[in-house]
Amino acid sequence: MEDETPLCALCGRPIPKDAPQSLHHLVPKLKGGKGGPTVRLHHICHKEIHATLTEAELARSYTTPEALRAHPRLARFIAWVRKRPPGFNARSTGGRRKR
C-alpha cells in the first residue's frame, strides 16, 4: 500500500514528504486545546495563520479549517500560495498582526 501525500488543511495543496510542514492545533494549546484535534499544514500556511490571528481569536472564532479559510487575509494568502508549487516555502506574505 502506497502512502498518500497529505493535503494541507488550509490551502489544499499536497504536502510533499520533504516540504516543511507542521501540525496546527485547531484550539490553541494555551487556550485549552492540548490533546485536541490537529491538522497538517505547510509550514508557510501555519506561519501565516499565526501572523494573522491571535491565540484568543483562534480559540474564539477559528477552530475549523473552513473558518480559517473564510478569514479575508487568509483567503487572499490562499489564493496567492495556491499558484506556488507544493513544496514552496518562504517568509509569510504579510507583517505580524497588530497587538
N, C-alpha and C. Protein backbone atom coordinates (compact mmCIF):
# COMPACT_ATOMS: atom_id res chain seq x y z
N MET A 1 0.86 -1.19 0.00
CA MET A 1 0.00 0.00 0.00
C MET A 1 0.89 1.24 0.00
N GLU A 2 0.64 2.13 -0.94
CA GLU A 2 1.43 3.36 -1.04
C GLU A 2 0.93 4.40 -0.05
N ASP A 3 1.88 5.15 0.48
CA ASP A 3 1.49 6.26 1.35
C ASP A 3 0.93 7.37 0.48
N GLU A 4 -0.22 7.89 0.83
CA GLU A 4 -0.78 9.00 0.08
C GLU A 4 -0.17 10.30 0.59
N THR A 5 0.07 11.21 -0.34
CA THR A 5 0.60 12.51 0.05
C THR A 5 -0.51 13.28 0.75
N PRO A 6 -0.27 13.76 1.97
CA PRO A 6 -1.32 14.51 2.68
C PRO A 6 -1.59 15.85 2.00
N LEU A 7 -2.79 16.36 2.21
CA LEU A 7 -3.16 17.67 1.70
C LEU A 7 -3.15 18.67 2.85
N CYS A 8 -2.72 19.88 2.56
CA CYS A 8 -2.73 20.95 3.55
C CYS A 8 -4.17 21.34 3.85
N ALA A 9 -4.51 21.40 5.12
CA ALA A 9 -5.88 21.72 5.54
C ALA A 9 -6.24 23.18 5.25
N LEU A 10 -5.24 24.04 5.01
CA LEU A 10 -5.56 25.44 4.71
C LEU A 10 -5.66 25.67 3.20
N CYS A 11 -4.57 25.39 2.48
CA CYS A 11 -4.54 25.73 1.04
C CYS A 11 -5.00 24.61 0.13
N GLY A 12 -5.03 23.37 0.64
CA GLY A 12 -5.49 22.25 -0.17
C GLY A 12 -4.45 21.65 -1.09
N ARG A 13 -3.23 22.23 -1.12
CA ARG A 13 -2.17 21.68 -1.97
C ARG A 13 -1.57 20.45 -1.29
N PRO A 14 -1.00 19.53 -2.09
CA PRO A 14 -0.32 18.38 -1.50
C PRO A 14 0.89 18.84 -0.68
N ILE A 15 1.23 18.09 0.35
CA ILE A 15 2.41 18.38 1.16
C ILE A 15 3.45 17.30 0.86
N PRO A 16 4.45 17.62 0.02
CA PRO A 16 5.48 16.61 -0.28
C PRO A 16 6.22 16.20 1.00
N LYS A 17 6.73 14.96 1.00
CA LYS A 17 7.42 14.41 2.16
C LYS A 17 8.56 15.30 2.64
N ASP A 18 9.27 15.93 1.70
CA ASP A 18 10.45 16.74 2.05
C ASP A 18 10.12 18.21 2.28
N ALA A 19 8.85 18.60 2.16
CA ALA A 19 8.46 20.00 2.35
C ALA A 19 8.33 20.32 3.83
N PRO A 20 8.68 21.55 4.24
CA PRO A 20 8.46 21.95 5.64
C PRO A 20 6.97 21.88 5.96
N GLN A 21 6.64 21.21 7.05
CA GLN A 21 5.24 21.03 7.42
C GLN A 21 5.11 21.03 8.94
N SER A 22 3.90 21.22 9.42
CA SER A 22 3.67 21.21 10.86
C SER A 22 2.22 20.84 11.15
N LEU A 23 1.96 20.55 12.43
CA LEU A 23 0.61 20.28 12.88
C LEU A 23 0.08 21.54 13.57
N HIS A 24 -1.14 21.90 13.26
CA HIS A 24 -1.77 23.08 13.85
C HIS A 24 -2.88 22.60 14.78
N HIS A 25 -2.84 23.03 16.03
CA HIS A 25 -3.92 22.74 16.98
C HIS A 25 -5.09 23.65 16.65
N LEU A 26 -6.24 23.08 16.35
CA LEU A 26 -7.40 23.89 15.98
C LEU A 26 -7.85 24.78 17.13
N VAL A 27 -7.71 24.31 18.34
CA VAL A 27 -7.88 25.16 19.52
C VAL A 27 -6.47 25.29 20.11
N PRO A 28 -5.94 26.51 20.20
CA PRO A 28 -4.57 26.67 20.69
C PRO A 28 -4.34 25.97 22.03
N LYS A 29 -3.16 25.40 22.17
CA LYS A 29 -2.82 24.69 23.42
C LYS A 29 -2.97 25.61 24.63
N LEU A 30 -2.60 26.87 24.47
CA LEU A 30 -2.70 27.82 25.58
C LEU A 30 -4.14 28.15 25.95
N LYS A 31 -5.07 27.80 25.07
CA LYS A 31 -6.49 28.10 25.31
C LYS A 31 -7.29 26.81 25.52
N GLY A 32 -6.63 25.76 25.99
CA GLY A 32 -7.33 24.52 26.32
C GLY A 32 -7.32 23.46 25.23
N GLY A 33 -6.53 23.65 24.18
CA GLY A 33 -6.55 22.71 23.07
C GLY A 33 -5.50 21.61 23.12
N LYS A 34 -4.75 21.53 24.22
CA LYS A 34 -3.74 20.47 24.33
C LYS A 34 -4.44 19.12 24.26
N GLY A 35 -4.00 18.28 23.35
CA GLY A 35 -4.62 16.98 23.18
C GLY A 35 -5.84 17.03 22.28
N GLY A 36 -6.20 18.21 21.80
CA GLY A 36 -7.36 18.36 20.92
C GLY A 36 -7.01 18.08 19.47
N PRO A 37 -7.96 18.31 18.57
CA PRO A 37 -7.73 18.00 17.16
C PRO A 37 -6.65 18.88 16.54
N THR A 38 -5.89 18.26 15.64
CA THR A 38 -4.86 18.98 14.89
C THR A 38 -5.06 18.73 13.40
N VAL A 39 -4.50 19.61 12.59
CA VAL A 39 -4.50 19.42 11.13
C VAL A 39 -3.07 19.63 10.63
N ARG A 40 -2.72 18.92 9.56
CA ARG A 40 -1.40 19.06 8.95
C ARG A 40 -1.43 20.23 7.97
N LEU A 41 -0.40 21.06 8.04
CA LEU A 41 -0.29 22.24 7.18
C LEU A 41 1.11 22.36 6.62
N HIS A 42 1.22 23.04 5.46
CA HIS A 42 2.54 23.50 5.03
C HIS A 42 3.03 24.47 6.11
N HIS A 43 4.32 24.51 6.32
CA HIS A 43 4.86 25.42 7.33
C HIS A 43 4.51 26.87 7.00
N ILE A 44 4.57 27.25 5.72
CA ILE A 44 4.25 28.63 5.32
C ILE A 44 2.79 28.96 5.66
N CYS A 45 1.89 27.98 5.49
CA CYS A 45 0.47 28.22 5.80
C CYS A 45 0.28 28.37 7.31
N HIS A 46 0.98 27.54 8.08
CA HIS A 46 0.89 27.63 9.54
C HIS A 46 1.40 28.97 10.03
N LYS A 47 2.53 29.42 9.47
CA LYS A 47 3.09 30.71 9.87
C LYS A 47 2.12 31.85 9.55
N GLU A 48 1.44 31.75 8.41
CA GLU A 48 0.50 32.82 8.02
C GLU A 48 -0.69 32.87 8.98
N ILE A 49 -1.18 31.72 9.42
CA ILE A 49 -2.29 31.70 10.38
C ILE A 49 -1.89 32.47 11.64
N HIS A 50 -0.70 32.16 12.17
CA HIS A 50 -0.27 32.79 13.43
C HIS A 50 0.19 34.23 13.24
N ALA A 51 0.55 34.62 12.01
CA ALA A 51 0.86 36.03 11.74
C ALA A 51 -0.41 36.85 11.61
N THR A 52 -1.53 36.18 11.35
CA THR A 52 -2.81 36.86 11.11
C THR A 52 -3.67 36.95 12.35
N LEU A 53 -3.73 35.87 13.13
CA LEU A 53 -4.69 35.78 14.22
C LEU A 53 -4.00 35.56 15.57
N THR A 54 -4.58 36.13 16.61
CA THR A 54 -4.06 35.91 17.97
C THR A 54 -4.56 34.54 18.46
N GLU A 55 -3.96 34.06 19.54
CA GLU A 55 -4.40 32.80 20.14
C GLU A 55 -5.87 32.92 20.57
N ALA A 56 -6.24 34.06 21.12
CA ALA A 56 -7.63 34.26 21.57
C ALA A 56 -8.59 34.23 20.38
N GLU A 57 -8.23 34.89 19.28
CA GLU A 57 -9.09 34.86 18.08
C GLU A 57 -9.23 33.45 17.54
N LEU A 58 -8.11 32.73 17.50
CA LEU A 58 -8.15 31.34 17.03
C LEU A 58 -9.10 30.51 17.89
N ALA A 59 -8.98 30.63 19.21
CA ALA A 59 -9.81 29.85 20.13
C ALA A 59 -11.29 30.24 20.04
N ARG A 60 -11.55 31.52 19.84
CA ARG A 60 -12.92 32.03 19.86
C ARG A 60 -13.66 31.77 18.54
N SER A 61 -13.00 32.02 17.40
CA SER A 61 -13.75 32.04 16.14
C SER A 61 -13.18 31.21 15.00
N TYR A 62 -11.99 30.66 15.17
CA TYR A 62 -11.34 30.00 14.02
C TYR A 62 -10.86 28.60 14.40
N THR A 63 -11.80 27.75 14.82
CA THR A 63 -11.46 26.42 15.31
C THR A 63 -11.66 25.32 14.26
N THR A 64 -11.92 25.71 13.01
CA THR A 64 -12.05 24.74 11.92
C THR A 64 -11.27 25.24 10.71
N PRO A 65 -10.83 24.32 9.85
CA PRO A 65 -10.18 24.77 8.62
C PRO A 65 -11.09 25.66 7.77
N GLU A 66 -12.39 25.37 7.78
CA GLU A 66 -13.33 26.18 6.99
C GLU A 66 -13.37 27.62 7.50
N ALA A 67 -13.39 27.79 8.82
CA ALA A 67 -13.40 29.14 9.39
C ALA A 67 -12.10 29.87 9.05
N LEU A 68 -10.98 29.17 9.14
CA LEU A 68 -9.69 29.80 8.79
C LEU A 68 -9.69 30.24 7.34
N ARG A 69 -10.16 29.38 6.44
CA ARG A 69 -10.18 29.73 5.00
C ARG A 69 -11.10 30.91 4.71
N ALA A 70 -12.10 31.15 5.56
CA ALA A 70 -13.05 32.25 5.34
C ALA A 70 -12.51 33.60 5.80
N HIS A 71 -11.44 33.62 6.59
CA HIS A 71 -10.87 34.89 7.06
C HIS A 71 -10.34 35.66 5.85
N PRO A 72 -10.66 36.94 5.69
CA PRO A 72 -10.28 37.69 4.49
C PRO A 72 -8.77 37.67 4.18
N ARG A 73 -7.93 37.91 5.16
CA ARG A 73 -6.49 37.91 4.89
C ARG A 73 -6.00 36.51 4.51
N LEU A 74 -6.49 35.49 5.22
CA LEU A 74 -6.08 34.13 4.90
C LEU A 74 -6.60 33.71 3.52
N ALA A 75 -7.80 34.15 3.15
CA ALA A 75 -8.33 33.85 1.82
C ALA A 75 -7.43 34.45 0.73
N ARG A 76 -6.95 35.66 0.94
CA ARG A 76 -6.02 36.27 -0.04
C ARG A 76 -4.71 35.50 -0.09
N PHE A 77 -4.21 35.10 1.08
CA PHE A 77 -2.98 34.31 1.14
C PHE A 77 -3.16 32.99 0.39
N ILE A 78 -4.28 32.31 0.62
CA ILE A 78 -4.54 31.02 -0.03
C ILE A 78 -4.56 31.20 -1.55
N ALA A 79 -5.24 32.24 -2.03
CA ALA A 79 -5.28 32.49 -3.48
C ALA A 79 -3.87 32.69 -4.03
N TRP A 80 -3.01 33.35 -3.27
CA TRP A 80 -1.62 33.59 -3.70
C TRP A 80 -0.81 32.31 -3.65
N VAL A 81 -0.88 31.57 -2.54
CA VAL A 81 0.01 30.41 -2.35
C VAL A 81 -0.40 29.23 -3.24
N ARG A 82 -1.65 29.16 -3.62
CA ARG A 82 -2.09 28.05 -4.49
C ARG A 82 -1.42 28.11 -5.86
N LYS A 83 -0.89 29.27 -6.24
CA LYS A 83 -0.19 29.41 -7.52
C LYS A 83 1.26 28.94 -7.41
N ARG A 84 1.70 28.58 -6.21
CA ARG A 84 3.08 28.13 -5.99
C ARG A 84 3.13 26.61 -6.00
N PRO A 85 4.32 26.05 -6.26
CA PRO A 85 4.44 24.59 -6.22
C PRO A 85 4.22 24.06 -4.80
N PRO A 86 3.82 22.79 -4.67
CA PRO A 86 3.50 22.25 -3.35
C PRO A 86 4.62 22.36 -2.31
N GLY A 87 5.88 22.31 -2.73
CA GLY A 87 6.98 22.38 -1.78
C GLY A 87 7.46 23.79 -1.51
N PHE A 88 6.79 24.79 -2.06
CA PHE A 88 7.20 26.19 -1.91
C PHE A 88 7.22 26.60 -0.44
N ASN A 89 8.28 27.31 -0.05
CA ASN A 89 8.36 27.84 1.31
C ASN A 89 9.06 29.18 1.24
N ALA A 90 8.55 30.13 1.95
CA ALA A 90 9.13 31.47 2.01
C ALA A 90 8.64 32.12 3.29
N ARG A 91 9.08 33.33 3.53
CA ARG A 91 8.56 34.07 4.68
C ARG A 91 7.06 34.30 4.44
N SER A 92 6.30 34.47 5.49
CA SER A 92 4.87 34.74 5.32
C SER A 92 4.73 36.07 4.59
N THR A 93 3.61 36.21 3.87
CA THR A 93 3.42 37.32 2.96
C THR A 93 3.22 38.67 3.63
N GLY A 94 2.67 38.68 4.82
CA GLY A 94 2.38 39.96 5.46
C GLY A 94 3.12 40.13 6.75
N GLY A 95 3.02 41.32 7.31
CA GLY A 95 3.66 41.58 8.59
C GLY A 95 2.90 40.91 9.72
N ARG A 96 3.48 40.98 10.89
CA ARG A 96 2.82 40.43 12.07
C ARG A 96 1.53 41.19 12.35
N ARG A 97 0.61 40.52 12.99
CA ARG A 97 -0.65 41.16 13.36
C ARG A 97 -0.39 42.27 14.36
N LYS A 98 -1.26 43.23 14.40
CA LYS A 98 -1.16 44.32 15.38
C LYS A 98 -1.61 43.78 16.73
N ARG A 99 -0.90 44.11 17.77
CA ARG A 99 -1.28 43.60 19.10
C ARG A 99 -1.92 44.68 19.90
